[in-house]
Amino acid sequence: MKKQKVRFHRNDKRPGGLNQNLIYEKKMVKRRGHIHWQAIEQPTGTVIRQSFFEEDIEQLVSFQNKHRVWQLNGGIPLFLCDNIK
């Protein structure tokens, strides 16, 4: 029986743990002279949604903190998040 050889390289990342608690928070950001609100997932730091209205973001954050829908997946998939640069 052959032993499997696994090589690790310098910048390899290990898969994240699924048992971390996800926390969602809202943050105010000024962009081009306008105020926007962002819903941010911690500890991944991804921006889930950005809106002009604080009430929309507050509703999303409170729902996600209460139900934790994406907890088992390790966070919301990136293709569902806003790509803000």
PDB file of N, CA and C in Angstrom:
ATOM      1  N   MET A   1       0.842  -1.180   0.000  1.00  0.00           N
ATOM      2  CA  MET A   1       0.000   0.000   0.000  1.00  0.00           C
ATOM      3  C   MET A   1       0.887   1.242   0.000  1.00  0.00           C
ATOM      4  N   LYS A   2       0.607   2.157  -0.932  1.00  0.00           N
ATOM      5  CA  LYS A   2       1.388   3.379  -1.038  1.00  0.00           C
ATOM      6  C   LYS A   2       0.859   4.436  -0.086  1.00  0.00           C
ATOM      7  N   LYS A   3       1.770   5.221   0.431  1.00  0.00           N
ATOM      8  CA  LYS A   3       1.396   6.335   1.297  1.00  0.00           C
ATOM      9  C   LYS A   3       1.201   7.581   0.434  1.00  0.00           C
ATOM     10  N   GLN A   4       0.093   8.257   0.661  1.00  0.00           N
ATOM     11  CA  GLN A   4      -0.195   9.452  -0.132  1.00  0.00           C
ATOM     12  C   GLN A   4       0.701  10.595   0.319  1.00  0.00           C
ATOM     13  N   LYS A   5       1.305  11.267  -0.646  1.00  0.00           N
ATOM     14  CA  LYS A   5       2.178  12.392  -0.329  1.00  0.00           C
ATOM     15  C   LYS A   5       1.414  13.689  -0.560  1.00  0.00           C
ATOM     16  N   VAL A   6       1.398  14.504   0.434  1.00  0.00           N
ATOM     17  CA  VAL A   6       0.728  15.793   0.353  1.00  0.00           C
ATOM     18  C   VAL A   6       1.783  16.869   0.519  1.00  0.00           C
ATOM     19  N   ARG A   7       1.822  17.795  -0.400  1.00  0.00           N
ATOM     20  CA  ARG A   7       2.794  18.875  -0.322  1.00  0.00           C
ATOM     21  C   ARG A   7       2.078  20.172  -0.010  1.00  0.00           C
ATOM     22  N   PHE A   8       2.604  20.884   0.948  1.00  0.00           N
ATOM     23  CA  PHE A   8       2.073  22.189   1.299  1.00  0.00           C
ATOM     24  C   PHE A   8       3.033  23.252   0.787  1.00  0.00           C
ATOM     25  N   HIS A   9       2.467  24.283   0.208  1.00  0.00           N
ATOM     26  CA  HIS A   9       3.264  25.371  -0.308  1.00  0.00           C
ATOM     27  C   HIS A   9       3.122  26.581   0.603  1.00  0.00           C
ATOM     28  N   ARG A  10       3.952  27.569   0.387  1.00  0.00           N
ATOM     29  CA  ARG A  10       4.051  28.703   1.292  1.00  0.00           C
ATOM     30  C   ARG A  10       2.724  29.442   1.484  1.00  0.00           C
ATOM     31  N   ASN A  11       1.964  29.735   0.443  1.00  0.00           N
ATOM     32  CA  ASN A  11       0.755  30.556   0.556  1.00  0.00           C
ATOM     33  C   ASN A  11      -0.529  29.736   0.578  1.00  0.00           C
ATOM     34  N   ASP A  12      -0.435  28.447   0.855  1.00  0.00           N
ATOM     35  CA  ASP A  12      -1.631  27.615   0.936  1.00  0.00           C
ATOM     36  C   ASP A  12      -2.480  28.031   2.128  1.00  0.00           C
ATOM     37  N   LYS A  13      -3.787  27.987   1.937  1.00  0.00           N
ATOM     38  CA  LYS A  13      -4.710  28.310   3.024  1.00  0.00           C
ATOM     39  C   LYS A  13      -5.475  27.060   3.404  1.00  0.00           C
ATOM     40  N   ARG A  14      -5.656  26.867   4.668  1.00  0.00           N
ATOM     41  CA  ARG A  14      -6.439  25.734   5.134  1.00  0.00           C
ATOM     42  C   ARG A  14      -7.914  26.108   5.099  1.00  0.00           C
ATOM     43  N   PRO A  15      -8.778  25.130   4.914  1.00  0.00           N
ATOM     44  CA  PRO A  15     -10.207  25.443   4.884  1.00  0.00           C
ATOM     45  C   PRO A  15     -10.670  25.980   6.227  1.00  0.00           C
ATOM     46  N   GLY A  16     -11.572  26.952   6.175  1.00  0.00           N
ATOM     47  CA  GLY A  16     -12.073  27.571   7.390  1.00  0.00           C
ATOM     48  C   GLY A  16     -12.983  26.641   8.168  1.00  0.00           C
ATOM     49  N   GLY A  17     -13.072  26.893   9.453  1.00  0.00           N
ATOM     50  CA  GLY A  17     -13.929  26.078  10.295  1.00  0.00           C
ATOM     51  C   GLY A  17     -15.385  26.458  10.126  1.00  0.00           C
ATOM     52  N   LEU A  18     -16.254  25.473  10.130  1.00  0.00           N
ATOM     53  CA  LEU A  18     -17.680  25.738   9.971  1.00  0.00           C
ATOM     54  C   LEU A  18     -18.362  26.012  11.310  1.00  0.00           C
ATOM     55  N   ASN A  19     -17.633  25.845  12.395  1.00  0.00           N
ATOM     56  CA  ASN A  19     -18.252  26.037  13.697  1.00  0.00           C
ATOM     57  C   ASN A  19     -18.132  27.468  14.218  1.00  0.00           C
ATOM     58  N   GLN A  20     -17.635  28.380  13.415  1.00  0.00           N
ATOM     59  CA  GLN A  20     -17.548  29.774  13.840  1.00  0.00           C
ATOM     60  C   GLN A  20     -18.925  30.414  13.785  1.00  0.00           C
ATOM     61  N   ASN A  21     -19.208  31.269  14.733  1.00  0.00           N
ATOM     62  CA  ASN A  21     -20.468  32.004  14.712  1.00  0.00           C
ATOM     63  C   ASN A  21     -20.346  33.180  13.765  1.00  0.00           C
ATOM     64  N   LEU A  22     -21.315  33.298  12.886  1.00  0.00           N
ATOM     65  CA  LEU A  22     -21.345  34.429  11.975  1.00  0.00           C
ATOM     66  C   LEU A  22     -22.091  35.574  12.639  1.00  0.00           C
ATOM     67  N   ILE A  23     -21.560  36.764  12.499  1.00  0.00           N
ATOM     68  CA  ILE A  23     -22.178  37.967  13.047  1.00  0.00           C
ATOM     69  C   ILE A  23     -22.348  38.945  11.901  1.00  0.00           C
ATOM     70  N   TYR A  24     -23.508  39.536  11.823  1.00  0.00           N
ATOM     71  CA  TYR A  24     -23.800  40.508  10.768  1.00  0.00           C
ATOM     72  C   TYR A  24     -23.929  41.880  11.418  1.00  0.00           C
ATOM     73  N   GLU A  25     -23.324  42.872  10.784  1.00  0.00           N
ATOM     74  CA  GLU A  25     -23.366  44.233  11.323  1.00  0.00           C
ATOM     75  C   GLU A  25     -23.593  45.221  10.202  1.00  0.00           C
ATOM     76  N   LYS A  26     -24.091  46.393  10.573  1.00  0.00           N
ATOM     77  CA  LYS A  26     -24.285  47.450   9.578  1.00  0.00           C
ATOM     78  C   LYS A  26     -23.211  48.504   9.778  1.00  0.00           C
ATOM     79  N   LYS A  27     -22.837  49.144   8.683  1.00  0.00           N
ATOM     80  CA  LYS A  27     -21.770  50.129   8.717  1.00  0.00           C
ATOM     81  C   LYS A  27     -22.115  51.253   7.756  1.00  0.00           C
ATOM     82  N   MET A  28     -21.853  52.479   8.171  1.00  0.00           N
ATOM     83  CA  MET A  28     -22.097  53.639   7.329  1.00  0.00           C
ATOM     84  C   MET A  28     -20.818  53.967   6.551  1.00  0.00           C
ATOM     85  N   VAL A  29     -20.974  54.190   5.245  1.00  0.00           N
ATOM     86  CA  VAL A  29     -19.840  54.479   4.375  1.00  0.00           C
ATOM     87  C   VAL A  29     -20.192  55.670   3.504  1.00  0.00           C
ATOM     88  N   LYS A  30     -19.238  56.602   3.346  1.00  0.00           N
ATOM     89  CA  LYS A  30     -19.434  57.727   2.433  1.00  0.00           C
ATOM     90  C   LYS A  30     -18.737  57.410   1.124  1.00  0.00           C
ATOM     91  N   ARG A  31     -19.506  57.472   0.040  1.00  0.00           N
ATOM     92  CA  ARG A  31     -18.950  57.223  -1.290  1.00  0.00           C
ATOM     93  C   ARG A  31     -19.404  58.342  -2.211  1.00  0.00           C
ATOM     94  N   ARG A  32     -18.430  59.032  -2.783  1.00  0.00           N
ATOM     95  CA  ARG A  32     -18.696  60.119  -3.725  1.00  0.00           C
ATOM     96  C   ARG A  32     -19.659  61.160  -3.158  1.00  0.00           C
ATOM     97  N   GLY A  33     -19.496  61.477  -1.894  1.00  0.00           N
ATOM     98  CA  GLY A  33     -20.317  62.507  -1.263  1.00  0.00           C
ATOM     99  C   GLY A  33     -21.686  62.055  -0.804  1.00  0.00           C
ATOM    100  N   HIS A  34     -21.987  60.780  -0.931  1.00  0.00           N
ATOM    101  CA  HIS A  34     -23.279  60.251  -0.500  1.00  0.00           C
ATOM    102  C   HIS A  34     -23.060  59.226   0.609  1.00  0.00           C
ATOM    103  N   ILE A  35     -24.030  59.131   1.497  1.00  0.00           N
ATOM    104  CA  ILE A  35     -23.956  58.166   2.588  1.00  0.00           C
ATOM    105  C   ILE A  35     -24.673  56.894   2.168  1.00  0.00           C
ATOM    106  N   HIS A  36     -23.988  55.764   2.325  1.00  0.00           N
ATOM    107  CA  HIS A  36     -24.557  54.453   2.043  1.00  0.00           C
ATOM    108  C   HIS A  36     -24.397  53.583   3.276  1.00  0.00           C
ATOM    109  N   TRP A  37     -25.278  52.619   3.432  1.00  0.00           N
ATOM    110  CA  TRP A  37     -25.214  51.668   4.534  1.00  0.00           C
ATOM    111  C   TRP A  37     -24.868  50.309   3.969  1.00  0.00           C
ATOM    112  N   GLN A  38     -23.986  49.591   4.668  1.00  0.00           N
ATOM    113  CA  GLN A  38     -23.568  48.277   4.221  1.00  0.00           C
ATOM    114  C   GLN A  38     -23.881  47.239   5.290  1.00  0.00           C
ATOM    115  N   ALA A  39     -24.288  46.053   4.862  1.00  0.00           N
ATOM    116  CA  ALA A  39     -24.428  44.902   5.749  1.00  0.00           C
ATOM    117  C   ALA A  39     -23.182  44.051   5.552  1.00  0.00           C
ATOM    118  N   ILE A  40     -22.436  43.826   6.638  1.00  0.00           N
ATOM    119  CA  ILE A  40     -21.162  43.136   6.565  1.00  0.00           C
ATOM    120  C   ILE A  40     -21.226  41.865   7.402  1.00  0.00           C
ATOM    121  N   GLU A  41     -20.710  40.785   6.839  1.00  0.00           N
ATOM    122  CA  GLU A  41     -20.663  39.503   7.525  1.00  0.00           C
ATOM    123  C   GLU A  41     -19.297  39.347   8.184  1.00  0.00           C
ATOM    124  N   GLN A  42     -19.291  39.066   9.467  1.00  0.00           N
ATOM    125  CA  GLN A  42     -18.043  38.855  10.191  1.00  0.00           C
ATOM    126  C   GLN A  42     -17.983  37.411  10.627  1.00  0.00           C
ATOM    127  N   PRO A  43     -16.924  36.723  10.625  1.00  0.00           N
ATOM    128  CA  PRO A  43     -15.531  37.142  10.492  1.00  0.00           C
ATOM    129  C   PRO A  43     -15.015  37.163   9.053  1.00  0.00           C
ATOM    130  N   THR A  44     -15.846  36.833   8.045  1.00  0.00           N
ATOM    131  CA  THR A  44     -15.348  36.821   6.669  1.00  0.00           C
ATOM    132  C   THR A  44     -15.126  38.218   6.117  1.00  0.00           C
ATOM    133  N   GLY A  45     -15.885  39.203   6.587  1.00  0.00           N
ATOM    134  CA  GLY A  45     -15.701  40.582   6.148  1.00  0.00           C
ATOM    135  C   GLY A  45     -16.302  40.895   4.792  1.00  0.00           C
ATOM    136  N   THR A  46     -17.173  40.049   4.283  1.00  0.00           N
ATOM    137  CA  THR A  46     -17.772  40.300   2.977  1.00  0.00           C
ATOM    138  C   THR A  46     -18.952  41.248   3.103  1.00  0.00           C
ATOM    139  N   VAL A  47     -19.111  42.107   2.111  1.00  0.00           N
ATOM    140  CA  VAL A  47     -20.231  43.039   2.068  1.00  0.00           C
ATOM    141  C   VAL A  47     -21.398  42.316   1.403  1.00  0.00           C
ATOM    142  N   ILE A  48     -22.458  42.121   2.157  1.00  0.00           N
ATOM    143  CA  ILE A  48     -23.603  41.384   1.653  1.00  0.00           C
ATOM    144  C   ILE A  48     -24.479  42.267   0.793  1.00  0.00           C
ATOM    145  N   ARG A  49     -24.757  43.446   1.289  1.00  0.00           N
ATOM    146  CA  ARG A  49     -25.653  44.349   0.568  1.00  0.00           C
ATOM    147  C   ARG A  49     -25.306  45.788   0.926  1.00  0.00           C
ATOM    148  N   GLN A  50     -25.534  46.684  -0.018  1.00  0.00           N
ATOM    149  CA  GLN A  50     -25.340  48.113   0.199  1.00  0.00           C
ATOM    150  C   GLN A  50     -26.613  48.825  -0.215  1.00  0.00           C
ATOM    151  N   SER A  51     -27.039  49.780   0.616  1.00  0.00           N
ATOM    152  CA  SER A  51     -28.282  50.480   0.335  1.00  0.00           C
ATOM    153  C   SER A  51     -28.179  51.919   0.806  1.00  0.00           C
ATOM    154  N   PHE A  52     -29.026  52.753   0.223  1.00  0.00           N
ATOM    155  CA  PHE A  52     -29.103  54.152   0.628  1.00  0.00           C
ATOM    156  C   PHE A  52     -29.889  54.294   1.932  1.00  0.00           C
ATOM    157  N   PHE A  53     -30.795  53.348   2.189  1.00  0.00           N
ATOM    158  CA  PHE A  53     -31.673  53.429   3.353  1.00  0.00           C
ATOM    159  C   PHE A  53     -31.166  52.553   4.491  1.00  0.00           C
ATOM    160  N   GLU A  54     -31.070  53.126   5.679  1.00  0.00           N
ATOM    161  CA  GLU A  54     -30.600  52.403   6.853  1.00  0.00           C
ATOM    162  C   GLU A  54     -31.601  51.330   7.284  1.00  0.00           C
ATOM    163  N   GLU A  55     -32.894  51.587   7.091  1.00  0.00           N
ATOM    164  CA  GLU A  55     -33.924  50.647   7.535  1.00  0.00           C
ATOM    165  C   GLU A  55     -33.833  49.305   6.801  1.00  0.00           C
ATOM    166  N   ASP A  56     -33.508  49.346   5.502  1.00  0.00           N
ATOM    167  CA  ASP A  56     -33.370  48.110   4.730  1.00  0.00           C
ATOM    168  C   ASP A  56     -32.228  47.252   5.267  1.00  0.00           C
ATOM    169  N   ILE A  57     -31.111  47.885   5.549  1.00  0.00           N
ATOM    170  CA  ILE A  57     -29.948  47.167   6.054  1.00  0.00           C
ATOM    171  C   ILE A  57     -30.202  46.657   7.467  1.00  0.00           C
ATOM    172  N   GLU A  58     -30.858  47.464   8.293  1.00  0.00           N
ATOM    173  CA  GLU A  58     -31.167  47.036   9.670  1.00  0.00           C
ATOM    174  C   GLU A  58     -32.070  45.807   9.671  1.00  0.00           C
ATOM    175  N   GLN A  59     -33.031  45.773   8.770  1.00  0.00           N
ATOM    176  CA  GLN A  59     -33.939  44.632   8.678  1.00  0.00           C
ATOM    177  C   GLN A  59     -33.170  43.368   8.251  1.00  0.00           C
ATOM    178  N   LEU A  60     -32.302  43.486   7.276  1.00  0.00           N
ATOM    179  CA  LEU A  60     -31.502  42.355   6.820  1.00  0.00           C
ATOM    180  C   LEU A  60     -30.572  41.842   7.914  1.00  0.00           C
ATOM    181  N   VAL A  61     -29.895  42.756   8.612  1.00  0.00           N
ATOM    182  CA  VAL A  61     -28.951  42.384   9.656  1.00  0.00           C
ATOM    183  C   VAL A  61     -29.662  41.699  10.821  1.00  0.00           C
ATOM    184  N   SER A  62     -30.799  42.229  11.236  1.00  0.00           N
ATOM    185  CA  SER A  62     -31.513  41.623  12.357  1.00  0.00           C
ATOM    186  C   SER A  62     -32.044  40.234  11.998  1.00  0.00           C
ATOM    187  N   PHE A  63     -32.520  40.053  10.754  1.00  0.00           N
ATOM    188  CA  PHE A  63     -33.001  38.741  10.325  1.00  0.00           C
ATOM    189  C   PHE A  63     -31.865  37.720  10.291  1.00  0.00           C
ATOM    190  N   GLN A  64     -30.725  38.109   9.714  1.00  0.00           N
ATOM    191  CA  GLN A  64     -29.603  37.174   9.609  1.00  0.00           C
ATOM    192  C   GLN A  64     -29.016  36.839  10.978  1.00  0.00           C
ATOM    193  N   ASN A  65     -28.964  37.815  11.893  1.00  0.00           N
ATOM    194  CA  ASN A  65     -28.450  37.538  13.235  1.00  0.00           C
ATOM    195  C   ASN A  65     -29.393  36.630  14.015  1.00  0.00           C
ATOM    196  N   LYS A  66     -30.683  36.718  13.750  1.00  0.00           N
ATOM    197  CA  LYS A  66     -31.660  35.903  14.467  1.00  0.00           C
ATOM    198  C   LYS A  66     -31.698  34.470  13.945  1.00  0.00           C
ATOM    199  N   HIS A  67     -31.740  34.292  12.630  1.00  0.00           N
ATOM    200  CA  HIS A  67     -31.947  32.965  12.049  1.00  0.00           C
ATOM    201  C   HIS A  67     -30.666  32.268  11.598  1.00  0.00           C
ATOM    202  N   ARG A  68     -29.618  33.023  11.292  1.00  0.00           N
ATOM    203  CA  ARG A  68     -28.328  32.476  10.854  1.00  0.00           C
ATOM    204  C   ARG A  68     -28.507  31.427   9.750  1.00  0.00           C
ATOM    205  N   VAL A  69     -29.070  31.859   8.640  1.00  0.00           N
ATOM    206  CA  VAL A  69     -29.430  30.981   7.532  1.00  0.00           C
ATOM    207  C   VAL A  69     -28.193  30.327   6.909  1.00  0.00           C
ATOM    208  N   TRP A  70     -27.113  31.053   6.763  1.00  0.00           N
ATOM    209  CA  TRP A  70     -25.929  30.563   6.053  1.00  0.00           C
ATOM    210  C   TRP A  70     -24.863  30.019   6.991  1.00  0.00           C
ATOM    211  N   GLN A  71     -25.190  29.752   8.246  1.00  0.00           N
ATOM    212  CA  GLN A  71     -24.209  29.292   9.230  1.00  0.00           C
ATOM    213  C   GLN A  71     -23.561  27.967   8.816  1.00  0.00           C
ATOM    214  N   LEU A  72     -24.339  27.016   8.350  1.00  0.00           N
ATOM    215  CA  LEU A  72     -23.796  25.697   8.001  1.00  0.00           C
ATOM    216  C   LEU A  72     -22.893  25.731   6.773  1.00  0.00           C
ATOM    217  N   ASN A  73     -23.081  26.724   5.904  1.00  0.00           N
ATOM    218  CA  ASN A  73     -22.269  26.831   4.693  1.00  0.00           C
ATOM    219  C   ASN A  73     -20.991  27.634   4.913  1.00  0.00           C
ATOM    220  N   GLY A  74     -20.808  28.185   6.099  1.00  0.00           N
ATOM    221  CA  GLY A  74     -19.616  28.981   6.365  1.00  0.00           C
ATOM    222  C   GLY A  74     -19.735  30.408   5.870  1.00  0.00           C
ATOM    223  N   GLY A  75     -20.945  30.868   5.596  1.00  0.00           N
ATOM    224  CA  GLY A  75     -21.163  32.235   5.133  1.00  0.00           C
ATOM    225  C   GLY A  75     -21.907  32.268   3.814  1.00  0.00           C
ATOM    226  N   ILE A  76     -22.335  33.453   3.464  1.00  0.00           N
ATOM    227  CA  ILE A  76     -23.070  33.638   2.217  1.00  0.00           C
ATOM    228  C   ILE A  76     -22.108  33.475   1.035  1.00  0.00           C
ATOM    229  N   PRO A  77     -22.483  32.740  -0.004  1.00  0.00           N
ATOM    230  CA  PRO A  77     -21.610  32.589  -1.174  1.00  0.00           C
ATOM    231  C   PRO A  77     -21.322  33.937  -1.831  1.00  0.00           C
ATOM    232  N   LEU A  78     -20.140  34.068  -2.385  1.00  0.00           N
ATOM    233  CA  LEU A  78     -19.704  35.344  -2.934  1.00  0.00           C
ATOM    234  C   LEU A  78     -20.535  35.806  -4.125  1.00  0.00           C
ATOM    235  N   PHE A  79     -21.113  34.875  -4.887  1.00  0.00           N
ATOM    236  CA  PHE A  79     -21.893  35.307  -6.044  1.00  0.00           C
ATOM    237  C   PHE A  79     -23.230  35.932  -5.635  1.00  0.00           C
ATOM    238  N   LEU A  80     -23.628  35.784  -4.383  1.00  0.00           N
ATOM    239  CA  LEU A  80     -24.846  36.431  -3.898  1.00  0.00           C
ATOM    240  C   LEU A  80     -24.561  37.781  -3.240  1.00  0.00           C
ATOM    241  N   CYS A  81     -23.311  38.120  -3.034  1.00  0.00           N
ATOM    242  CA  CYS A  81     -22.935  39.363  -2.354  1.00  0.00           C
ATOM    243  C   CYS A  81     -22.694  40.477  -3.358  1.00  0.00           C
ATOM    244  N   ASP A  82     -22.700  41.728  -2.849  1.00  0.00           N
ATOM    245  CA  ASP A  82     -22.384  42.883  -3.683  1.00  0.00           C
ATOM    246  C   ASP A  82     -20.875  42.952  -3.901  1.00  0.00           C
ATOM    247  N   ASN A  83     -20.476  43.186  -5.129  1.00  0.00           N
ATOM    248  CA  ASN A  83     -19.063  43.381  -5.437  1.00  0.00           C
ATOM    249  C   ASN A  83     -18.791  44.868  -5.467  1.00  0.00           C
ATOM    250  N   ILE A  84     -18.297  45.385  -4.362  1.00  0.00           N
ATOM    251  CA  ILE A  84     -18.072  46.830  -4.220  1.00  0.00           C
ATOM    252  C   ILE A  84     -16.584  47.099  -4.259  1.00  0.00           C
ATOM    253  N   LYS A  85     -16.189  48.017  -5.120  1.00  0.00           N
ATOM    254  CA  LYS A  85     -14.768  48.366  -5.218  1.00  0.00           C
ATOM    255  C   LYS A  85     -14.600  49.845  -5.155  1.00  0.00           C
TER     256      LYS A  85
END
